[in-house]
Amino acid sequence: MINYEQVRRYHLENRKRPSPSRSSQILVIGFAAIILVGTVLLMLPVASAGPEPVSWDVALFTSTSATTVTGLVVVNTHDTYSVFGEVVILILMQVGGVGFIVLSIVLFRLIGRRVSLYERNLLRQNLGVEEEQGIVQLARHVLRYTLIIEFIGAVILFSQWVQTMAWPTAAYFAIFHSVSAFCNAGFDLFQSFEDPALIAARNNPISILTFSALIFVGSLGIAVVYDLILFRRERHLSLHTRLVLPFSLILVVLGTVLILIDEAFVDGHALSEFPVAERIWLAYFISVASRTAGTTLVPMADLGQASQLVVLLWMFVGGAPASMAGGVGLSTVAVVLITLGSNVRGYDDVRILNRTIPVETIFKAVAVITVSSLLVVGLTLVLTLLSQGDTFVIAFEVISAFANTGFTLNFTDKLNLAGRLIIVFTMFWGRLGPLTLVVALAQRHRPTLVRYPEEKIIIG
């Protein structure tokens, strides 16, 4: 018998819900507007280091790469842009890394504007936290801790680089690279791999450790960092944090070992010419940077193919959701692997660390990985047809753009206009696609009164 009152109440509740795509549209339009403003600023004559301003496609590519904290460039940053242009790139990295929504919410509070419940919910989704209580305070904490961490990183880098540079240059380089590393942006001001400043940084364990720490913390995500900060008081870590931390460490250690195995025993590879100690440091750094940052201390094209494959896979995985990093998300991959393990062991549910993972979380993880894989394969195919280049090199470029990493096998500067626009779209999707997809899925939860009979499908 049909309960008409229940049906009427169901339709009324759903009518009051905001459009599922509204917050996704705000994210997309907001980031697109930031990229457009950055493009215009980089096209100004004052932003160029040479007599002629950069073309619109170069400015668009650079602005998109900085805002999406990717790091892919078609021109050398130091040689092409003036100090004004470099500062614009620095600001774009900071805004793109911290998130324009966080900055907007904090700005609203500073000017006395109230933050609506809808805006709080949007901010909660952007930061990757569950509770709405205290969400604006959390946004302020995010900005505060971001600036503190970047300042500490800049001070350490300055203390090392001032030994080989004039102090104003060392301070400027330290600030730029600290922001770039923490935001996992991959931009640098080195002129080439033979630049004395880069060689000094590559040979300095303190600089490498500082870079690595900034990149690693930036890749953990706001929810994890805030969870760790509150641990002393609450003595509790969420399941998300307890998954992200060990999986991150496993990937760093495993990546370091695999790269060392490939680079240590084959002459002619990028790391084979370095002493053993430096080889270990650089392999460790590549493993850390490959998932998130793309900061390049040695040419990726000179690595062995096995090392390049490790980097490609690590880039696709990326860092934690709601972090400075890109990729499909570390916890996304972890949920799929845990689901596979539970299925193999014959469990009726998906369990880990005395907790059960909700079915909707599994659906979202599968959706993100499936859509991302299809996108990467499709764009690789299109770019291969357009450029007729090496498929692995093109796939490496596409995944680097999608994961907002910034590594390249010397292919970015060979892109024509169509190829550049494809990579621009890939970087944009990589930064916002998985996030907006999850937001849309989270908002599309609609209870239904209709249930259909189950029927099995043959799998495998």
Protein backbone atom coordinates (compact mmCIF):
# COMPACT_ATOMS: atom_id res chain seq x y z
CA MET A 1 0.00 0.00 0.00
CA ILE A 2 1.36 3.40 -0.98
CA ASN A 3 2.02 5.84 1.87
CA TYR A 4 1.12 9.13 0.17
CA GLU A 5 2.26 11.20 3.16
CA GLN A 6 5.74 9.64 2.97
CA VAL A 7 5.91 10.29 -0.79
CA ARG A 8 4.82 13.91 -0.31
CA ARG A 9 7.41 14.46 2.46
CA TYR A 10 10.13 12.88 0.27
CA HIS A 11 9.44 15.26 -2.62
CA LEU A 12 9.32 18.29 -0.34
CA GLU A 13 12.68 17.42 1.23
CA ASN A 14 14.34 16.94 -2.14
CA ARG A 15 12.87 20.19 -3.46
CA LYS A 16 14.61 22.08 -0.65
CA ARG A 17 18.03 20.63 -1.47
CA PRO A 18 20.44 22.90 -3.36
CA SER A 19 21.39 21.95 -6.88
CA PRO A 20 23.98 19.13 -6.75
CA SER A 21 26.13 20.87 -9.34
CA ARG A 22 26.13 24.33 -7.76
CA SER A 23 29.22 23.98 -5.58
CA SER A 24 31.06 22.20 -8.40
CA GLN A 25 30.25 25.10 -10.69
CA ILE A 26 31.55 27.58 -8.12
CA LEU A 27 34.84 25.68 -7.91
CA VAL A 28 35.25 25.49 -11.67
CA ILE A 29 34.27 29.09 -12.37
CA GLY A 30 36.38 30.39 -9.49
CA PHE A 31 39.56 28.64 -10.60
CA ALA A 32 38.91 29.56 -14.23
CA ALA A 33 38.61 33.22 -13.23
CA ILE A 34 41.90 33.07 -11.30
CA ILE A 35 43.62 31.49 -14.31
CA LEU A 36 42.21 34.18 -16.61
CA VAL A 37 43.42 37.00 -14.36
CA GLY A 38 46.84 35.35 -14.14
CA THR A 39 46.98 35.03 -17.93
CA VAL A 40 46.26 38.72 -18.41
CA LEU A 41 48.89 39.74 -15.85
CA LEU A 42 51.56 37.50 -17.41
CA MET A 43 50.83 39.00 -20.83
CA LEU A 44 51.66 42.50 -19.61
CA PRO A 45 54.99 43.92 -20.88
CA VAL A 46 56.14 44.45 -17.28
CA ALA A 47 55.84 40.69 -16.66
CA SER A 48 58.28 39.80 -19.41
CA ALA A 49 62.06 39.68 -18.99
CA GLY A 50 62.55 40.43 -22.70
CA PRO A 51 61.49 43.32 -24.92
CA GLU A 52 58.36 41.53 -26.11
CA PRO A 53 55.53 40.26 -23.89
CA VAL A 54 54.78 36.55 -23.93
CA SER A 55 52.06 35.24 -26.22
CA TRP A 56 48.60 34.45 -24.92
CA ASP A 57 49.04 30.69 -25.17
CA VAL A 58 52.31 30.74 -23.20
CA ALA A 59 50.72 33.01 -20.56
CA LEU A 60 47.63 30.77 -20.38
CA PHE A 61 49.77 27.63 -20.06
CA THR A 62 51.92 29.18 -17.31
CA SER A 63 48.95 30.62 -15.42
CA THR A 64 47.10 27.31 -15.52
CA SER A 65 50.20 25.39 -14.45
CA ALA A 66 50.77 27.75 -11.50
CA THR A 67 47.14 27.90 -10.37
CA THR A 68 46.75 24.13 -10.58
CA VAL A 69 50.15 23.78 -8.82
CA THR A 70 51.50 21.59 -11.62
CA GLY A 71 54.85 23.04 -12.68
CA LEU A 72 54.87 22.15 -16.37
CA VAL A 73 56.28 25.02 -18.44
CA VAL A 74 56.85 25.64 -22.15
CA VAL A 75 59.44 28.36 -21.42
CA ASN A 76 62.04 28.77 -18.70
CA THR A 77 60.50 30.78 -15.85
CA HIS A 78 63.67 32.65 -14.83
CA ASP A 79 64.68 33.61 -18.39
CA THR A 80 61.20 34.51 -19.65
CA TYR A 81 59.55 36.44 -16.83
CA SER A 82 60.62 39.50 -14.89
CA VAL A 83 60.46 39.73 -11.11
CA PHE A 84 56.89 41.00 -11.49
CA GLY A 85 55.98 37.96 -13.58
CA GLU A 86 57.64 35.62 -11.11
CA VAL A 87 55.72 37.22 -8.22
CA VAL A 88 52.48 36.72 -10.17
CA ILE A 89 53.38 33.04 -10.56
CA LEU A 90 54.18 32.88 -6.83
CA ILE A 91 50.78 34.32 -5.93
CA LEU A 92 49.00 31.97 -8.32
CA MET A 93 50.77 29.00 -6.72
CA GLN A 94 49.77 30.15 -3.25
CA VAL A 95 46.13 30.77 -4.19
CA GLY A 96 45.91 27.53 -6.14
CA GLY A 97 47.54 25.56 -3.36
CA VAL A 98 45.64 26.87 -0.36
CA GLY A 99 42.42 27.12 -2.33
CA PHE A 100 40.52 30.20 -3.38
CA ILE A 101 37.51 29.12 -1.31
CA VAL A 102 39.54 29.18 1.91
CA LEU A 103 40.86 32.63 1.03
CA SER A 104 37.35 33.83 0.14
CA ILE A 105 35.82 32.60 3.39
CA VAL A 106 38.57 34.20 5.47
CA LEU A 107 38.21 37.44 3.49
CA PHE A 108 34.45 37.46 4.09
CA ARG A 109 35.07 37.16 7.82
CA LEU A 110 37.67 39.91 7.82
CA ILE A 111 35.27 42.37 6.17
CA GLY A 112 32.48 41.39 8.55
CA ARG A 113 30.31 39.39 6.14
CA ARG A 114 28.52 36.36 7.57
CA VAL A 115 29.34 32.97 6.08
CA SER A 116 26.18 31.14 5.09
CA LEU A 117 25.48 27.49 5.84
CA TYR A 118 25.86 26.70 2.15
CA GLU A 119 29.28 28.36 2.04
CA ARG A 120 30.31 26.47 5.17
CA ASN A 121 29.28 23.22 3.50
CA LEU A 122 31.21 24.15 0.36
CA LEU A 123 34.28 24.94 2.46
CA ARG A 124 33.90 21.66 4.36
CA GLN A 125 33.92 19.72 1.08
CA ASN A 126 36.92 21.67 -0.20
CA LEU A 127 38.92 21.01 2.98
CA GLY A 128 37.94 17.36 3.11
CA VAL A 129 36.52 17.37 6.65
CA GLU A 130 33.22 16.00 7.90
CA GLU A 131 32.16 18.41 10.66
CA GLU A 132 30.75 21.83 9.83
CA GLN A 133 31.21 23.12 13.38
CA GLY A 134 34.21 25.43 13.56
CA ILE A 135 34.83 25.20 9.82
CA VAL A 136 35.62 28.91 9.45
CA GLN A 137 38.08 28.70 12.33
CA LEU A 138 39.66 25.72 10.56
CA ALA A 139 40.08 27.83 7.42
CA ARG A 140 41.94 30.46 9.44
CA HIS A 141 44.13 27.74 10.93
CA VAL A 142 44.90 26.49 7.42
CA LEU A 143 46.19 29.89 6.36
CA ARG A 144 48.13 30.35 9.58
CA TYR A 145 49.85 26.97 9.46
CA THR A 146 50.54 27.34 5.74
CA LEU A 147 52.38 30.63 6.26
CA ILE A 148 54.24 29.27 9.31
CA ILE A 149 55.43 26.15 7.49
CA GLU A 150 56.45 28.10 4.40
CA PHE A 151 58.30 30.64 6.56
CA ILE A 152 60.23 27.91 8.38
CA GLY A 153 61.11 26.28 5.07
CA ALA A 154 62.25 29.59 3.62
CA VAL A 155 64.46 30.32 6.65
CA ILE A 156 66.19 26.94 6.38
CA LEU A 157 66.71 27.27 2.62
CA PHE A 158 67.99 30.82 3.08
CA SER A 159 70.53 29.64 5.67
CA GLN A 160 71.94 27.23 3.10
CA TRP A 161 71.75 29.32 -0.07
CA VAL A 162 73.12 32.51 1.46
CA GLN A 163 76.47 30.70 1.55
CA THR A 164 76.64 30.74 -2.27
CA MET A 165 74.37 33.71 -3.19
CA ALA A 166 74.01 37.34 -2.29
CA TRP A 167 71.56 37.59 0.61
CA PRO A 168 68.74 39.39 -1.33
CA THR A 169 68.86 36.72 -4.05
CA ALA A 170 69.06 33.93 -1.48
CA ALA A 171 66.04 35.34 0.39
CA TYR A 172 64.01 35.68 -2.81
CA PHE A 173 64.92 32.19 -3.99
CA ALA A 174 64.20 30.72 -0.55
CA ILE A 175 60.70 32.26 -0.37
CA PHE A 176 59.79 31.28 -3.94
CA HIS A 177 60.98 27.69 -3.63
CA SER A 178 59.53 27.20 -0.15
CA VAL A 179 56.07 28.21 -1.40
CA SER A 180 56.53 26.12 -4.54
CA ALA A 181 57.59 23.04 -2.55
CA PHE A 182 54.86 23.24 0.11
CA CYS A 183 52.19 23.89 -2.52
CA ASN A 184 53.63 20.99 -4.54
CA ALA A 185 53.81 23.34 -7.51
CA GLY A 186 57.08 22.27 -9.13
CA PHE A 187 58.10 25.75 -10.32
CA ASP A 188 61.70 26.83 -9.85
CA LEU A 189 63.95 29.76 -10.75
CA PHE A 190 66.96 27.71 -11.88
CA GLN A 191 68.20 28.46 -15.37
CA SER A 192 69.17 24.88 -16.24
CA PHE A 193 70.45 21.65 -14.73
CA GLU A 194 73.94 23.16 -14.93
CA ASP A 195 72.89 26.19 -12.86
CA PRO A 196 75.35 26.51 -9.92
CA ALA A 197 72.41 27.24 -7.58
CA LEU A 198 70.69 23.98 -8.56
CA ILE A 199 73.91 21.99 -8.27
CA ALA A 200 74.50 23.46 -4.80
CA ALA A 201 70.95 22.52 -3.75
CA ARG A 202 71.32 19.03 -5.21
CA ASN A 203 74.55 18.44 -3.31
CA ASN A 204 73.19 19.81 -0.02
CA PRO A 205 71.39 17.19 2.16
CA ILE A 206 69.77 19.93 4.28
CA SER A 207 68.23 21.54 1.20
CA ILE A 208 66.98 18.18 -0.06
CA LEU A 209 65.52 17.27 3.34
CA THR A 210 63.83 20.68 3.57
CA PHE A 211 62.34 20.34 0.10
CA SER A 212 61.21 16.81 0.89
CA ALA A 213 59.61 17.79 4.21
CA LEU A 214 57.71 20.69 2.64
CA ILE A 215 56.49 18.50 -0.22
CA PHE A 216 55.51 15.63 2.07
CA VAL A 217 53.58 17.79 4.54
CA GLY A 218 51.84 19.59 1.68
CA SER A 219 50.77 16.26 0.21
CA LEU A 220 49.18 14.95 3.41
CA GLY A 221 46.10 17.13 3.20
CA ILE A 222 44.52 19.63 5.52
CA ALA A 223 42.45 17.04 7.36
CA VAL A 224 45.52 14.93 8.19
CA VAL A 225 47.68 17.84 9.33
CA TYR A 226 44.89 19.25 11.51
CA ASP A 227 44.26 15.76 12.91
CA LEU A 228 47.91 15.47 13.89
CA ILE A 229 47.89 18.92 15.48
CA LEU A 230 44.89 17.99 17.65
CA PHE A 231 46.31 14.57 18.56
CA ARG A 232 48.09 15.80 21.71
CA ARG A 233 44.79 17.07 23.08
CA GLU A 234 42.31 14.50 21.80
CA ARG A 235 44.52 11.38 21.62
CA HIS A 236 42.58 10.19 18.59
CA LEU A 237 43.32 9.92 14.87
CA SER A 238 40.66 9.47 12.23
CA LEU A 239 40.64 6.42 9.97
CA HIS A 240 41.54 8.70 7.07
CA THR A 241 44.73 9.82 8.83
CA ARG A 242 45.61 6.28 9.90
CA LEU A 243 45.39 5.20 6.25
CA VAL A 244 47.12 8.16 4.60
CA LEU A 245 50.23 8.23 6.82
CA PRO A 246 51.35 4.58 6.44
CA PHE A 247 50.43 4.44 2.74
CA SER A 248 52.44 7.62 2.13
CA LEU A 249 55.48 6.22 3.92
CA ILE A 250 55.18 2.89 2.08
CA LEU A 251 55.17 4.64 -1.30
CA VAL A 252 58.15 6.81 -0.37
CA VAL A 253 60.25 3.86 0.84
CA LEU A 254 59.17 1.52 -1.96
CA GLY A 255 59.77 4.18 -4.61
CA THR A 256 63.23 4.94 -3.23
CA VAL A 257 64.21 1.26 -3.27
CA LEU A 258 62.89 0.65 -6.79
CA ILE A 259 64.62 3.72 -8.21
CA LEU A 260 67.87 2.80 -6.48
CA ILE A 261 67.73 -0.74 -7.89
CA ASP A 262 67.26 0.61 -11.41
CA GLU A 263 69.75 3.47 -11.14
CA ALA A 264 72.47 1.83 -9.06
CA PHE A 265 73.24 -1.13 -11.28
CA VAL A 266 72.87 0.34 -14.78
CA ASP A 267 75.54 2.66 -16.14
CA GLY A 268 74.43 5.70 -18.09
CA HIS A 269 71.33 6.40 -16.03
CA ALA A 270 70.84 9.77 -14.35
CA LEU A 271 71.99 8.74 -10.86
CA SER A 272 74.80 6.38 -11.84
CA GLU A 273 77.34 9.21 -12.05
CA PHE A 274 76.75 10.36 -8.47
CA PRO A 275 78.46 9.01 -5.33
CA VAL A 276 76.50 6.40 -3.38
CA ALA A 277 75.35 8.80 -0.64
CA GLU A 278 74.08 11.40 -3.12
CA ARG A 279 72.44 8.64 -5.16
CA ILE A 280 70.39 7.59 -2.12
CA TRP A 281 69.39 11.19 -1.31
CA LEU A 282 68.32 11.87 -4.90
CA ALA A 283 66.40 8.59 -5.23
CA TYR A 284 64.59 9.42 -2.01
CA PHE A 285 63.82 12.93 -3.24
CA ILE A 286 62.52 11.69 -6.60
CA SER A 287 60.27 9.20 -4.78
CA VAL A 288 58.84 11.98 -2.60
CA ALA A 289 58.43 14.49 -5.42
CA SER A 290 57.07 12.04 -8.00
CA ARG A 291 53.71 11.65 -6.25
CA THR A 292 53.03 15.32 -5.81
CA ALA A 293 55.50 18.07 -6.55
CA GLY A 294 57.55 17.53 -9.69
CA THR A 295 60.50 19.54 -8.38
CA THR A 296 63.28 18.41 -10.70
CA LEU A 297 66.89 18.15 -9.55
CA VAL A 298 67.95 15.65 -12.24
CA PRO A 299 66.57 15.28 -15.79
CA MET A 300 63.69 12.81 -15.84
CA ALA A 301 64.59 11.83 -19.40
CA ASP A 302 67.96 10.52 -18.17
CA LEU A 303 66.41 8.10 -15.68
CA GLY A 304 66.07 4.44 -16.59
CA GLN A 305 62.76 3.28 -18.02
CA ALA A 306 61.97 1.31 -14.87
CA SER A 307 62.47 4.47 -12.78
CA GLN A 308 60.32 6.45 -15.21
CA LEU A 309 57.58 3.84 -14.90
CA VAL A 310 57.72 4.06 -11.10
CA VAL A 311 57.45 7.85 -11.32
CA LEU A 312 54.49 7.54 -13.74
CA LEU A 313 52.60 5.19 -11.40
CA TRP A 314 53.39 7.27 -8.32
CA MET A 315 52.19 10.42 -10.11
CA PHE A 316 48.85 8.80 -10.96
CA VAL A 317 48.33 7.83 -7.32
CA GLY A 318 49.25 11.32 -6.09
CA GLY A 319 48.83 12.59 -2.54
CA ALA A 320 45.96 12.75 -0.08
CA PRO A 321 42.64 14.35 -1.11
CA ALA A 322 42.09 17.99 -0.09
CA SER A 323 45.85 18.55 -0.17
CA MET A 324 48.27 20.50 -2.32
CA ALA A 325 48.85 17.34 -4.36
CA GLY A 326 46.95 15.92 -7.31
CA GLY A 327 46.39 12.44 -8.69
CA VAL A 328 43.45 10.17 -7.99
CA GLY A 329 44.24 10.39 -4.30
CA LEU A 330 46.17 8.16 -1.94
CA SER A 331 43.14 7.28 0.17
CA THR A 332 41.17 6.56 -3.01
CA VAL A 333 43.67 3.90 -4.05
CA ALA A 334 43.86 2.63 -0.46
CA VAL A 335 40.08 2.12 -0.33
CA VAL A 336 40.12 0.15 -3.59
CA LEU A 337 43.00 -2.06 -2.38
CA ILE A 338 41.32 -2.62 0.98
CA THR A 339 38.08 -3.52 -0.81
CA LEU A 340 39.98 -6.00 -2.95
CA GLY A 341 41.58 -7.52 0.15
CA SER A 342 38.26 -7.84 1.96
CA ASN A 343 36.70 -9.44 -1.10
CA VAL A 344 39.54 -11.97 -1.42
CA ARG A 345 39.18 -12.93 2.25
CA GLY A 346 35.44 -13.45 1.81
CA TYR A 347 34.15 -10.68 4.09
CA ASP A 348 30.61 -9.40 3.62
CA ASP A 349 31.80 -5.86 4.26
CA VAL A 350 34.99 -3.82 3.80
CA ARG A 351 36.89 -3.48 7.06
CA ILE A 352 40.24 -2.06 8.14
CA LEU A 353 41.66 -1.11 11.55
CA ASN A 354 38.48 -2.20 13.36
CA ARG A 355 36.36 0.05 11.17
CA THR A 356 33.93 -0.62 8.30
CA ILE A 357 34.22 1.54 5.18
CA PRO A 358 30.80 2.78 3.96
CA VAL A 359 29.57 1.49 0.60
CA GLU A 360 29.19 5.04 -0.75
CA THR A 361 32.88 5.71 -0.05
CA ILE A 362 33.79 2.64 -2.10
CA PHE A 363 31.52 3.80 -4.94
CA LYS A 364 33.18 7.22 -4.96
CA ALA A 365 36.67 5.71 -4.99
CA VAL A 366 35.81 3.43 -7.91
CA ALA A 367 34.16 6.33 -9.77
CA VAL A 368 37.19 8.62 -9.34
CA ILE A 369 39.69 5.98 -10.49
CA THR A 370 37.51 4.88 -13.42
CA VAL A 371 36.83 8.38 -14.72
CA SER A 372 40.46 9.43 -14.22
CA SER A 373 41.78 6.35 -16.02
CA LEU A 374 39.44 6.87 -18.97
CA LEU A 375 40.41 10.54 -19.17
CA VAL A 376 44.14 9.81 -19.12
CA VAL A 377 43.86 7.07 -21.75
CA GLY A 378 41.63 9.19 -23.97
CA LEU A 379 43.84 12.29 -23.81
CA THR A 380 46.96 10.20 -24.40
CA LEU A 381 45.36 8.76 -27.52
CA VAL A 382 44.33 12.19 -28.81
CA LEU A 383 47.75 13.71 -28.14
CA THR A 384 49.47 10.74 -29.79
CA LEU A 385 47.35 11.21 -32.91
CA LEU A 386 48.17 14.92 -32.99
CA SER A 387 51.90 14.71 -32.34
CA GLN A 388 52.81 11.22 -33.56
CA GLY A 389 55.34 11.01 -30.74
CA ASP A 390 56.44 8.22 -28.43
CA THR A 391 53.40 6.85 -26.60
CA PHE A 392 55.14 6.37 -23.26
CA VAL A 393 56.55 9.91 -23.33
CA ILE A 394 53.10 11.32 -24.14
CA ALA A 395 51.40 9.21 -21.47
CA PHE A 396 54.02 10.42 -18.97
CA GLU A 397 53.23 14.03 -19.93
CA VAL A 398 49.46 13.54 -19.69
CA ILE A 399 49.64 11.82 -16.30
CA SER A 400 52.04 14.49 -15.05
CA ALA A 401 49.53 17.17 -16.09
CA PHE A 402 46.55 15.25 -14.71
CA ALA A 403 48.32 14.58 -11.40
CA ASN A 404 49.51 18.22 -11.21
CA THR A 405 53.05 16.95 -10.74
CA GLY A 406 55.11 18.76 -13.38
CA PHE A 407 57.63 16.08 -14.42
CA THR A 408 58.33 15.80 -18.13
CA LEU A 409 60.47 13.74 -20.48
CA ASN A 410 61.44 16.85 -22.49
CA PHE A 411 58.09 16.87 -24.28
CA THR A 412 56.36 20.01 -22.97
CA ASP A 413 58.36 22.46 -25.09
CA LYS A 414 57.60 20.38 -28.21
CA LEU A 415 53.83 20.82 -27.91
CA ASN A 416 52.03 22.72 -30.64
CA LEU A 417 49.08 25.00 -29.89
CA ALA A 418 46.53 22.17 -29.88
CA GLY A 419 48.78 20.07 -27.65
CA ARG A 420 49.24 22.95 -25.21
CA LEU A 421 45.49 23.47 -24.96
CA ILE A 422 44.99 19.76 -24.29
CA ILE A 423 47.57 19.84 -21.48
CA VAL A 424 45.95 23.02 -20.11
CA PHE A 425 42.60 21.19 -19.95
CA THR A 426 44.29 18.17 -18.36
CA MET A 427 45.93 20.28 -15.65
CA PHE A 428 42.63 22.04 -14.96
CA TRP A 429 40.71 18.78 -14.76
CA GLY A 430 43.41 17.18 -12.63
CA ARG A 431 43.12 19.94 -10.03
CA LEU A 432 39.33 20.20 -9.98
CA GLY A 433 37.97 17.09 -11.68
CA PRO A 434 38.30 14.52 -8.87
CA LEU A 435 37.24 17.11 -6.28
CA THR A 436 34.15 18.28 -8.18
CA LEU A 437 33.25 14.69 -9.01
CA VAL A 438 33.32 13.72 -5.34
CA VAL A 439 31.39 16.86 -4.38
CA ALA A 440 28.76 16.10 -7.00
CA LEU A 441 28.50 12.48 -5.86
CA ALA A 442 28.27 13.54 -2.22
CA GLN A 443 25.42 15.92 -2.99
CA ARG A 444 23.54 13.50 -5.22
CA HIS A 445 22.66 11.18 -2.37
CA ARG A 446 18.93 10.75 -2.93
CA PRO A 447 16.93 8.24 -0.92
CA THR A 448 14.41 6.44 -3.09
CA LEU A 449 11.28 4.50 -2.30
CA VAL A 450 11.76 2.17 -5.28
CA ARG A 451 13.75 -1.07 -4.98
CA TYR A 452 14.33 -3.51 -7.84
CA PRO A 453 15.05 -7.23 -7.54
CA GLU A 454 18.73 -8.23 -7.60
CA GLU A 455 20.25 -10.27 -10.42
CA LYS A 456 23.87 -11.42 -10.69
CA ILE A 457 26.21 -10.64 -13.59
CA ILE A 458 29.06 -12.98 -14.54
CA ILE A 459 32.37 -11.30 -13.64
CA GLY A 460 35.86 -12.38 -14.74
